[in-house]
Amino acid sequence: MARWVRRRDQAGRVLAVANQKPGVLERFGLTREEVDRAAWTVDPSGGRLQGAAAINRVLDEVGGGWRALAALYRVRPIAAMEEAFYSRFARNRSRFHRFGVKPECDEPDADCG
């Protein structure tokens, strides 16, 4: 996810950091259990979102066509469906390695200390 955001955030509005990097959990006040369960956003004032809400916040910040997609999250039935889908996805994310998706820090050129 962090790599995807960095490639698309041309304005540099989002600091996307792999949660496996040393010191990241402490810096943002998150636990391993929390980041293993869901994606998170932490805004400059310390406000936090997780799961589909966090993904939509990032899409809104990235802008462009992604902003329109994120706007759908404001419709309650759609938000509920997104949260349910995200929850199922997150529980099964380890299965996505067969599609070539792996944590950023598992890549050979990763700068994860």
C-alpha atoms as a PDB file:
ATOM      1  CA  MET A   1       0.000   0.000   0.000  1.00  0.00           C
ATOM      2  CA  ALA A   2       2.741   2.471   0.911  1.00  0.00           C
ATOM      3  CA  ARG A   3       4.465   2.006  -2.456  1.00  0.00           C
ATOM      4  CA  TRP A   4       1.165   2.438  -4.315  1.00  0.00           C
ATOM      5  CA  VAL A   5       0.475   5.725  -2.524  1.00  0.00           C
ATOM      6  CA  ARG A   6       3.973   7.131  -3.099  1.00  0.00           C
ATOM      7  CA  ARG A   7       3.724   6.430  -6.845  1.00  0.00           C
ATOM      8  CA  ARG A   8       0.396   8.258  -7.160  1.00  0.00           C
ATOM      9  CA  ASP A   9       0.800  11.135  -4.688  1.00  0.00           C
ATOM     10  CA  GLN A  10       2.394  13.624  -7.062  1.00  0.00           C
ATOM     11  CA  ALA A  11       1.770  16.555  -4.686  1.00  0.00           C
ATOM     12  CA  GLY A  12       3.457  14.801  -1.759  1.00  0.00           C
ATOM     13  CA  ARG A  13       0.448  15.245   0.528  1.00  0.00           C
ATOM     14  CA  VAL A  14       0.681  11.787   2.102  1.00  0.00           C
ATOM     15  CA  LEU A  15       3.591  10.352   4.052  1.00  0.00           C
ATOM     16  CA  ALA A  16       3.220   6.643   3.294  1.00  0.00           C
ATOM     17  CA  VAL A  17       5.449   4.517   5.500  1.00  0.00           C
ATOM     18  CA  ALA A  18       5.678   0.738   5.689  1.00  0.00           C
ATOM     19  CA  ASN A  19       4.735  -0.274   9.221  1.00  0.00           C
ATOM     20  CA  GLN A  20       7.596  -2.785   9.295  1.00  0.00           C
ATOM     21  CA  LYS A  21      10.225  -0.015   9.327  1.00  0.00           C
ATOM     22  CA  PRO A  22      11.988   0.376  12.673  1.00  0.00           C
ATOM     23  CA  GLY A  23      10.482   3.051  14.916  1.00  0.00           C
ATOM     24  CA  VAL A  24       7.314   3.612  12.868  1.00  0.00           C
ATOM     25  CA  LEU A  25       4.919   2.078  15.382  1.00  0.00           C
ATOM     26  CA  GLU A  26       6.348   4.109  18.243  1.00  0.00           C
ATOM     27  CA  ARG A  27       6.416   7.310  16.176  1.00  0.00           C
ATOM     28  CA  PHE A  28       2.702   7.076  15.413  1.00  0.00           C
ATOM     29  CA  GLY A  29       1.579   5.444  18.660  1.00  0.00           C
ATOM     30  CA  LEU A  30       0.333   2.236  17.085  1.00  0.00           C
ATOM     31  CA  THR A  31       0.767  -1.369  18.141  1.00  0.00           C
ATOM     32  CA  ARG A  32       1.795  -4.336  16.003  1.00  0.00           C
ATOM     33  CA  GLU A  33      -1.679  -5.814  16.582  1.00  0.00           C
ATOM     34  CA  GLU A  34      -3.346  -2.641  15.271  1.00  0.00           C
ATOM     35  CA  VAL A  35      -1.280  -2.416  12.089  1.00  0.00           C
ATOM     36  CA  ASP A  36      -1.592  -6.138  11.438  1.00  0.00           C
ATOM     37  CA  ARG A  37      -5.368  -5.749  11.635  1.00  0.00           C
ATOM     38  CA  ALA A  38      -5.804  -2.668   9.409  1.00  0.00           C
ATOM     39  CA  ALA A  39      -4.298   0.151   7.405  1.00  0.00           C
ATOM     40  CA  TRP A  40      -4.084   3.414   9.361  1.00  0.00           C
ATOM     41  CA  THR A  41      -3.895   7.130   8.766  1.00  0.00           C
ATOM     42  CA  VAL A  42      -2.642   9.544  11.368  1.00  0.00           C
ATOM     43  CA  ASP A  43      -3.154  13.222  10.590  1.00  0.00           C
ATOM     44  CA  PRO A  44      -0.875  16.021  11.854  1.00  0.00           C
ATOM     45  CA  SER A  45      -3.180  16.713  14.813  1.00  0.00           C
ATOM     46  CA  GLY A  46      -3.082  13.038  15.852  1.00  0.00           C
ATOM     47  CA  GLY A  47      -6.506  12.085  14.469  1.00  0.00           C
ATOM     48  CA  ARG A  48      -6.636   8.450  13.397  1.00  0.00           C
ATOM     49  CA  LEU A  49      -8.625   6.405  10.953  1.00  0.00           C
ATOM     50  CA  GLN A  50      -8.351   2.717  10.193  1.00  0.00           C
ATOM     51  CA  GLY A  51      -9.553   0.261   7.587  1.00  0.00           C
ATOM     52  CA  ALA A  52     -11.692   1.502   4.715  1.00  0.00           C
ATOM     53  CA  ALA A  53     -11.970   4.939   6.335  1.00  0.00           C
ATOM     54  CA  ALA A  54      -8.158   5.259   6.228  1.00  0.00           C
ATOM     55  CA  ILE A  55      -7.967   4.074   2.619  1.00  0.00           C
ATOM     56  CA  ASN A  56     -10.597   6.594   1.558  1.00  0.00           C
ATOM     57  CA  ARG A  57      -8.833   9.398   3.420  1.00  0.00           C
ATOM     58  CA  VAL A  58      -5.647   8.620   1.485  1.00  0.00           C
ATOM     59  CA  LEU A  59      -7.527   8.454  -1.841  1.00  0.00           C
ATOM     60  CA  ASP A  60      -9.034  11.862  -1.096  1.00  0.00           C
ATOM     61  CA  GLU A  61      -5.610  13.334  -0.308  1.00  0.00           C
ATOM     62  CA  VAL A  62      -4.009  11.808  -3.418  1.00  0.00           C
ATOM     63  CA  GLY A  63      -6.686  13.587  -5.438  1.00  0.00           C
ATOM     64  CA  GLY A  64      -7.558  13.350  -9.104  1.00  0.00           C
ATOM     65  CA  GLY A  65     -10.039  10.625  -9.968  1.00  0.00           C
ATOM     66  CA  TRP A  66      -9.286   8.950  -6.651  1.00  0.00           C
ATOM     67  CA  ARG A  67     -11.042  11.808  -4.837  1.00  0.00           C
ATOM     68  CA  ALA A  68     -14.334  10.967  -6.599  1.00  0.00           C
ATOM     69  CA  LEU A  69     -13.977   7.333  -5.579  1.00  0.00           C
ATOM     70  CA  ALA A  70     -13.300   8.347  -1.969  1.00  0.00           C
ATOM     71  CA  ALA A  71     -16.416  10.546  -1.961  1.00  0.00           C
ATOM     72  CA  LEU A  72     -18.575   7.425  -2.281  1.00  0.00           C
ATOM     73  CA  TYR A  73     -17.489   6.476   1.237  1.00  0.00           C
ATOM     74  CA  ARG A  74     -19.656   9.329   2.555  1.00  0.00           C
ATOM     75  CA  VAL A  75     -22.775   7.367   1.518  1.00  0.00           C
ATOM     76  CA  ARG A  76     -23.599   5.210   4.547  1.00  0.00           C
ATOM     77  CA  PRO A  77     -24.576   1.981   2.749  1.00  0.00           C
ATOM     78  CA  ILE A  78     -21.460   2.173   0.602  1.00  0.00           C
ATOM     79  CA  ALA A  79     -19.279   2.889   3.624  1.00  0.00           C
ATOM     80  CA  ALA A  80     -20.729  -0.159   5.399  1.00  0.00           C
ATOM     81  CA  MET A  81     -20.032  -2.349   2.363  1.00  0.00           C
ATOM     82  CA  GLU A  82     -16.483  -0.985   2.070  1.00  0.00           C
ATOM     83  CA  GLU A  83     -15.794  -1.636   5.755  1.00  0.00           C
ATOM     84  CA  ALA A  84     -17.106  -5.212   5.445  1.00  0.00           C
ATOM     85  CA  PHE A  85     -15.014  -5.819   2.322  1.00  0.00           C
ATOM     86  CA  TYR A  86     -11.927  -4.290   3.923  1.00  0.00           C
ATOM     87  CA  SER A  87     -12.338  -6.391   7.048  1.00  0.00           C
ATOM     88  CA  ARG A  88     -12.511  -9.575   4.983  1.00  0.00           C
ATOM     89  CA  PHE A  89      -9.560  -8.488   2.845  1.00  0.00           C
ATOM     90  CA  ALA A  90      -7.439  -7.653   5.898  1.00  0.00           C
ATOM     91  CA  ARG A  91      -8.112 -11.039   7.503  1.00  0.00           C
ATOM     92  CA  ASN A  92      -6.904 -12.754   4.330  1.00  0.00           C
ATOM     93  CA  ARG A  93      -4.108 -10.436   3.194  1.00  0.00           C
ATOM     94  CA  SER A  94      -1.411 -13.061   3.686  1.00  0.00           C
ATOM     95  CA  ARG A  95      -2.936 -14.989   0.781  1.00  0.00           C
ATOM     96  CA  PHE A  96      -2.180 -12.182  -1.652  1.00  0.00           C
ATOM     97  CA  HIS A  97       1.527 -13.092  -1.788  1.00  0.00           C
ATOM     98  CA  ARG A  98       0.670 -15.528  -4.582  1.00  0.00           C
ATOM     99  CA  PHE A  99      -0.248 -12.513  -6.743  1.00  0.00           C
ATOM    100  CA  GLY A 100       3.182 -10.999  -6.172  1.00  0.00           C
ATOM    101  CA  VAL A 101       1.987  -8.684  -3.400  1.00  0.00           C
ATOM    102  CA  LYS A 102       4.358  -8.661  -0.468  1.00  0.00           C
ATOM    103  CA  PRO A 103       5.197  -6.265   2.335  1.00  0.00           C
ATOM    104  CA  GLU A 104       7.521  -3.475   1.260  1.00  0.00           C
ATOM    105  CA  CYS A 105      10.159  -4.522   3.768  1.00  0.00           C
ATOM    106  CA  ASP A 106      10.287  -8.010   2.252  1.00  0.00           C
ATOM    107  CA  GLU A 107      11.578  -6.559  -1.040  1.00  0.00           C
ATOM    108  CA  PRO A 108      15.356  -6.892  -1.657  1.00  0.00           C
ATOM    109  CA  ASP A 109      15.870  -3.145  -2.203  1.00  0.00           C
ATOM    110  CA  ALA A 110      13.762  -2.032   0.784  1.00  0.00           C
ATOM    111  CA  ASP A 111      15.230   0.517   3.158  1.00  0.00           C
ATOM    112  CA  CYS A 112      13.853  -0.963   6.341  1.00  0.00           C
ATOM    113  CA  GLY A 113      16.914  -0.929   8.530  1.00  0.00           C
END
